[in-house]
Amino acid sequence: MSNLRDEAFWDAPMQEPLAPKQGRRTRGRKVTREERMETRGRARALQALYAADLRDLTQVKRIATTVFDDLAIDPAERLFASRLIATVADRGAVLDAALVEVTANWRLERLGAIERSVLRLAAAELAREETPVKVVLQEAVHLAERYGTERSARFVNGVLDAYARRLGRL
């Protein structure tokens, strides 16, 4: 097993974090270029939120810029991800308070960093009201499953379902 000090860890080829899959998520329909860009943009925003959560969430915009520069992401993905990050930065306290209301018996700081970041990302996207609610929920569950666990995905699904209902969007 390699650790962070092993040369093999740092020199290993990087895998693209999100490649759209055919099957259950797409139900046999073609995934458009824009949908792929948005999916990758969400993954990039999640990476930035996760990094900021571990370092200093008040510096999320600066951290996101560094993450996006380091990853040299596509300009369209960067724009999409930046809008989500800006929403978290501008409305973070309000979004967190609303999420706390629907996470019965769970304080946000008790959640794992992935789950917390996915919930913030989805809450920000719901606040923007540009994407259909079901798409936001589906993408958030997919991110939680991909970067967390199946249990994380179920938890995120339950919280976001309650959150969307509280907003009157479901």
C-alpha atoms as a PDB file:
ATOM      1  CA  MET A   1       0.000   0.000   0.000  1.00  0.00           C
ATOM      2  CA  SER A   2       1.449   3.367  -0.989  1.00  0.00           C
ATOM      3  CA  ASN A   3       1.372   6.434   1.195  1.00  0.00           C
ATOM      4  CA  LEU A   4       1.753  10.124   0.428  1.00  0.00           C
ATOM      5  CA  ARG A   5       5.543   9.936   0.662  1.00  0.00           C
ATOM      6  CA  ASP A   6       5.926   7.131  -1.891  1.00  0.00           C
ATOM      7  CA  GLU A   7       7.124   8.283  -5.310  1.00  0.00           C
ATOM      8  CA  ALA A   8       4.707   5.793  -6.887  1.00  0.00           C
ATOM      9  CA  PHE A   9       1.796   7.670  -5.326  1.00  0.00           C
ATOM     10  CA  TRP A  10       2.752  11.007  -6.854  1.00  0.00           C
ATOM     11  CA  ASP A  11       3.983   9.657 -10.189  1.00  0.00           C
ATOM     12  CA  ALA A  12       1.000   7.406 -10.840  1.00  0.00           C
ATOM     13  CA  PRO A  13      -1.196   8.455 -13.775  1.00  0.00           C
ATOM     14  CA  MET A  14      -4.242  10.473 -12.815  1.00  0.00           C
ATOM     15  CA  GLN A  15      -7.671   9.173 -13.719  1.00  0.00           C
ATOM     16  CA  GLU A  16     -10.381  11.531 -14.932  1.00  0.00           C
ATOM     17  CA  PRO A  17     -12.711  11.792 -11.904  1.00  0.00           C
ATOM     18  CA  LEU A  18     -16.022  11.684 -13.721  1.00  0.00           C
ATOM     19  CA  ALA A  19     -16.579  10.007 -17.026  1.00  0.00           C
ATOM     20  CA  PRO A  20     -20.276   9.754 -17.897  1.00  0.00           C
ATOM     21  CA  LYS A  21     -21.516   6.202 -17.742  1.00  0.00           C
ATOM     22  CA  GLN A  22     -24.199   4.653 -19.876  1.00  0.00           C
ATOM     23  CA  GLY A  23     -26.840   2.672 -18.083  1.00  0.00           C
ATOM     24  CA  ARG A  24     -28.801   3.496 -14.973  1.00  0.00           C
ATOM     25  CA  ARG A  25     -27.999   7.238 -14.903  1.00  0.00           C
ATOM     26  CA  THR A  26     -28.717   7.904 -18.561  1.00  0.00           C
ATOM     27  CA  ARG A  27     -31.291   5.151 -19.156  1.00  0.00           C
ATOM     28  CA  GLY A  28     -29.999   4.558 -22.673  1.00  0.00           C
ATOM     29  CA  ARG A  29     -30.374   8.123 -23.913  1.00  0.00           C
ATOM     30  CA  LYS A  30     -27.472  10.078 -25.328  1.00  0.00           C
ATOM     31  CA  VAL A  31     -25.743  12.375 -22.880  1.00  0.00           C
ATOM     32  CA  THR A  32     -25.262  15.799 -24.415  1.00  0.00           C
ATOM     33  CA  ARG A  33     -21.957  17.657 -24.390  1.00  0.00           C
ATOM     34  CA  GLU A  34     -23.485  20.307 -22.106  1.00  0.00           C
ATOM     35  CA  GLU A  35     -24.637  17.672 -19.595  1.00  0.00           C
ATOM     36  CA  ARG A  36     -21.134  16.195 -19.508  1.00  0.00           C
ATOM     37  CA  MET A  37     -19.644  19.640 -19.009  1.00  0.00           C
ATOM     38  CA  GLU A  38     -22.027  20.362 -16.130  1.00  0.00           C
ATOM     39  CA  THR A  39     -21.324  16.972 -14.535  1.00  0.00           C
ATOM     40  CA  ARG A  40     -17.585  17.591 -14.719  1.00  0.00           C
ATOM     41  CA  GLY A  41     -18.119  21.156 -13.474  1.00  0.00           C
ATOM     42  CA  ARG A  42     -19.963  19.848 -10.425  1.00  0.00           C
ATOM     43  CA  ALA A  43     -17.121  17.425  -9.731  1.00  0.00           C
ATOM     44  CA  ARG A  44     -14.609  20.279  -9.980  1.00  0.00           C
ATOM     45  CA  ALA A  45     -16.706  22.448  -7.663  1.00  0.00           C
ATOM     46  CA  LEU A  46     -16.903  19.540  -5.221  1.00  0.00           C
ATOM     47  CA  GLN A  47     -13.121  19.175  -5.289  1.00  0.00           C
ATOM     48  CA  ALA A  48     -12.730  22.862  -4.481  1.00  0.00           C
ATOM     49  CA  LEU A  49     -15.362  22.770  -1.724  1.00  0.00           C
ATOM     50  CA  TYR A  50     -13.733  19.718  -0.202  1.00  0.00           C
ATOM     51  CA  ALA A  51     -10.328  21.421  -0.215  1.00  0.00           C
ATOM     52  CA  ALA A  52     -11.812  24.574   1.308  1.00  0.00           C
ATOM     53  CA  ASP A  53     -13.685  22.554   3.921  1.00  0.00           C
ATOM     54  CA  LEU A  54     -10.421  20.971   5.039  1.00  0.00           C
ATOM     55  CA  ARG A  55      -8.502  24.266   5.002  1.00  0.00           C
ATOM     56  CA  ASP A  56     -10.615  27.389   5.436  1.00  0.00           C
ATOM     57  CA  LEU A  57     -14.132  27.645   4.048  1.00  0.00           C
ATOM     58  CA  THR A  58     -14.013  31.434   4.300  1.00  0.00           C
ATOM     59  CA  GLN A  59     -11.362  31.337   1.555  1.00  0.00           C
ATOM     60  CA  VAL A  60     -13.397  29.107  -0.779  1.00  0.00           C
ATOM     61  CA  LYS A  61     -13.097  31.398  -3.811  1.00  0.00           C
ATOM     62  CA  ARG A  62      -9.324  31.659  -3.511  1.00  0.00           C
ATOM     63  CA  ILE A  63      -8.957  27.930  -2.908  1.00  0.00           C
ATOM     64  CA  ALA A  64     -11.253  27.156  -5.845  1.00  0.00           C
ATOM     65  CA  THR A  65      -9.159  29.352  -8.131  1.00  0.00           C
ATOM     66  CA  THR A  66      -6.031  27.480  -7.073  1.00  0.00           C
ATOM     67  CA  VAL A  67      -7.693  24.087  -7.559  1.00  0.00           C
ATOM     68  CA  PHE A  68      -9.049  25.057 -10.978  1.00  0.00           C
ATOM     69  CA  ASP A  69      -5.665  26.440 -12.059  1.00  0.00           C
ATOM     70  CA  ASP A  70      -3.873  23.315 -10.843  1.00  0.00           C
ATOM     71  CA  LEU A  71      -6.292  21.059 -12.720  1.00  0.00           C
ATOM     72  CA  ALA A  72      -6.259  23.267 -15.851  1.00  0.00           C
ATOM     73  CA  ILE A  73      -9.950  22.619 -16.360  1.00  0.00           C
ATOM     74  CA  ASP A  74     -11.936  23.476 -19.451  1.00  0.00           C
ATOM     75  CA  PRO A  75     -13.182  27.120 -19.457  1.00  0.00           C
ATOM     76  CA  ALA A  76     -16.848  26.087 -19.686  1.00  0.00           C
ATOM     77  CA  GLU A  77     -16.472  23.698 -16.731  1.00  0.00           C
ATOM     78  CA  ARG A  78     -14.616  26.383 -14.810  1.00  0.00           C
ATOM     79  CA  LEU A  79     -17.365  28.926 -15.399  1.00  0.00           C
ATOM     80  CA  PHE A  80     -20.076  26.493 -14.300  1.00  0.00           C
ATOM     81  CA  ALA A  81     -18.102  25.405 -11.215  1.00  0.00           C
ATOM     82  CA  SER A  82     -17.197  29.011 -10.344  1.00  0.00           C
ATOM     83  CA  ARG A  83     -20.841  30.030 -10.289  1.00  0.00           C
ATOM     84  CA  LEU A  84     -21.614  27.255  -7.812  1.00  0.00           C
ATOM     85  CA  ILE A  85     -18.606  28.184  -5.679  1.00  0.00           C
ATOM     86  CA  ALA A  86     -19.643  31.854  -5.694  1.00  0.00           C
ATOM     87  CA  THR A  87     -23.110  30.877  -4.487  1.00  0.00           C
ATOM     88  CA  VAL A  88     -21.613  28.877  -1.620  1.00  0.00           C
ATOM     89  CA  ALA A  89     -19.293  31.770  -0.766  1.00  0.00           C
ATOM     90  CA  ASP A  90     -22.067  34.374  -0.875  1.00  0.00           C
ATOM     91  CA  ARG A  91     -24.870  32.377   0.786  1.00  0.00           C
ATOM     92  CA  GLY A  92     -22.917  29.767   2.767  1.00  0.00           C
ATOM     93  CA  ALA A  93     -24.252  30.617   6.213  1.00  0.00           C
ATOM     94  CA  VAL A  94     -27.857  30.661   5.013  1.00  0.00           C
ATOM     95  CA  LEU A  95     -27.439  27.393   3.097  1.00  0.00           C
ATOM     96  CA  ASP A  96     -25.758  25.716   6.071  1.00  0.00           C
ATOM     97  CA  ALA A  97     -28.521  26.873   8.428  1.00  0.00           C
ATOM     98  CA  ALA A  98     -31.190  25.509   6.090  1.00  0.00           C
ATOM     99  CA  LEU A  99     -29.351  22.184   5.784  1.00  0.00           C
ATOM    100  CA  VAL A 100     -29.056  21.922   9.564  1.00  0.00           C
ATOM    101  CA  GLU A 101     -32.834  22.250   9.834  1.00  0.00           C
ATOM    102  CA  VAL A 102     -33.384  19.133   7.706  1.00  0.00           C
ATOM    103  CA  THR A 103     -30.538  17.010   9.088  1.00  0.00           C
ATOM    104  CA  ALA A 104     -32.349  15.763  12.151  1.00  0.00           C
ATOM    105  CA  ASN A 105     -29.904  14.873  14.939  1.00  0.00           C
ATOM    106  CA  TRP A 106     -26.880  15.706  12.768  1.00  0.00           C
ATOM    107  CA  ARG A 107     -24.818  18.861  13.034  1.00  0.00           C
ATOM    108  CA  LEU A 108     -22.960  19.721   9.837  1.00  0.00           C
ATOM    109  CA  GLU A 109     -19.606  19.528  11.572  1.00  0.00           C
ATOM    110  CA  ARG A 110     -20.363  15.908  12.522  1.00  0.00           C
ATOM    111  CA  LEU A 111     -20.780  14.914   8.880  1.00  0.00           C
ATOM    112  CA  GLY A 112     -17.907  13.718   6.745  1.00  0.00           C
ATOM    113  CA  ALA A 113     -16.229  16.352   4.594  1.00  0.00           C
ATOM    114  CA  ILE A 114     -17.469  14.715   1.381  1.00  0.00           C
ATOM    115  CA  GLU A 115     -21.090  14.570   2.519  1.00  0.00           C
ATOM    116  CA  ARG A 116     -20.948  18.130   3.844  1.00  0.00           C
ATOM    117  CA  SER A 117     -19.395  19.400   0.606  1.00  0.00           C
ATOM    118  CA  VAL A 118     -21.914  17.564  -1.593  1.00  0.00           C
ATOM    119  CA  LEU A 119     -24.810  18.947   0.461  1.00  0.00           C
ATOM    120  CA  ARG A 120     -23.452  22.497   0.198  1.00  0.00           C
ATOM    121  CA  LEU A 121     -22.903  22.112  -3.530  1.00  0.00           C
ATOM    122  CA  ALA A 122     -26.426  20.826  -4.128  1.00  0.00           C
ATOM    123  CA  ALA A 123     -27.979  23.471  -1.866  1.00  0.00           C
ATOM    124  CA  ALA A 124     -26.121  26.158  -3.821  1.00  0.00           C
ATOM    125  CA  GLU A 125     -27.306  24.747  -7.126  1.00  0.00           C
ATOM    126  CA  LEU A 126     -30.887  24.575  -5.863  1.00  0.00           C
ATOM    127  CA  ALA A 127     -30.594  28.190  -4.682  1.00  0.00           C
ATOM    128  CA  ARG A 128     -29.571  29.253  -8.194  1.00  0.00           C
ATOM    129  CA  GLU A 129     -32.813  27.741  -9.590  1.00  0.00           C
ATOM    130  CA  GLU A 130     -31.219  27.112 -13.000  1.00  0.00           C
ATOM    131  CA  THR A 131     -31.226  23.316 -12.967  1.00  0.00           C
ATOM    132  CA  PRO A 132     -34.230  21.029 -12.477  1.00  0.00           C
ATOM    133  CA  VAL A 133     -34.465  19.772  -8.891  1.00  0.00           C
ATOM    134  CA  LYS A 134     -34.387  16.104  -9.866  1.00  0.00           C
ATOM    135  CA  VAL A 135     -31.177  16.644 -11.842  1.00  0.00           C
ATOM    136  CA  VAL A 136     -29.536  18.386  -8.873  1.00  0.00           C
ATOM    137  CA  LEU A 137     -30.534  15.543  -6.544  1.00  0.00           C
ATOM    138  CA  GLN A 138     -29.435  12.842  -8.979  1.00  0.00           C
ATOM    139  CA  GLU A 139     -26.064  14.489  -9.591  1.00  0.00           C
ATOM    140  CA  ALA A 140     -25.480  15.044  -5.857  1.00  0.00           C
ATOM    141  CA  VAL A 141     -26.253  11.407  -5.081  1.00  0.00           C
ATOM    142  CA  HIS A 142     -23.900  10.334  -7.864  1.00  0.00           C
ATOM    143  CA  LEU A 143     -21.094  12.540  -6.483  1.00  0.00           C
ATOM    144  CA  ALA A 144     -21.655  11.247  -2.938  1.00  0.00           C
ATOM    145  CA  GLU A 145     -21.529   7.673  -4.171  1.00  0.00           C
ATOM    146  CA  ARG A 146     -18.483   8.265  -6.357  1.00  0.00           C
ATOM    147  CA  TYR A 147     -16.401  10.175  -3.811  1.00  0.00           C
ATOM    148  CA  GLY A 148     -17.938   8.777  -0.638  1.00  0.00           C
ATOM    149  CA  THR A 149     -19.813   5.528  -0.173  1.00  0.00           C
ATOM    150  CA  GLU A 150     -23.170   4.037  -1.032  1.00  0.00           C
ATOM    151  CA  ARG A 151     -24.225   4.923   2.497  1.00  0.00           C
ATOM    152  CA  SER A 152     -23.140   8.532   1.856  1.00  0.00           C
ATOM    153  CA  ALA A 153     -25.291   8.567  -1.262  1.00  0.00           C
ATOM    154  CA  ARG A 154     -28.371   7.370   0.648  1.00  0.00           C
ATOM    155  CA  PHE A 155     -27.797   9.970   3.360  1.00  0.00           C
ATOM    156  CA  VAL A 156     -27.327  12.793   0.832  1.00  0.00           C
ATOM    157  CA  ASN A 157     -30.445  11.679  -1.035  1.00  0.00           C
ATOM    158  CA  GLY A 158     -32.566  11.762   2.140  1.00  0.00           C
ATOM    159  CA  VAL A 159     -31.274  15.151   3.281  1.00  0.00           C
ATOM    160  CA  LEU A 160     -31.637  16.791  -0.136  1.00  0.00           C
ATOM    161  CA  ASP A 161     -35.099  15.333  -0.646  1.00  0.00           C
ATOM    162  CA  ALA A 162     -36.199  16.873   2.666  1.00  0.00           C
ATOM    163  CA  TYR A 163     -34.403  20.124   1.792  1.00  0.00           C
ATOM    164  CA  ALA A 164     -36.095  20.396  -1.623  1.00  0.00           C
ATOM    165  CA  ARG A 165     -39.489  19.652  -0.060  1.00  0.00           C
ATOM    166  CA  ARG A 166     -38.880  22.338   2.563  1.00  0.00           C
ATOM    167  CA  LEU A 167     -38.122  24.781  -0.267  1.00  0.00           C
ATOM    168  CA  GLY A 168     -41.378  23.726  -1.952  1.00  0.00           C
ATOM    169  CA  ARG A 169     -39.521  22.493  -5.015  1.00  0.00           C
ATOM    170  CA  LEU A 170     -40.610  18.825  -4.832  1.00  0.00           C
END
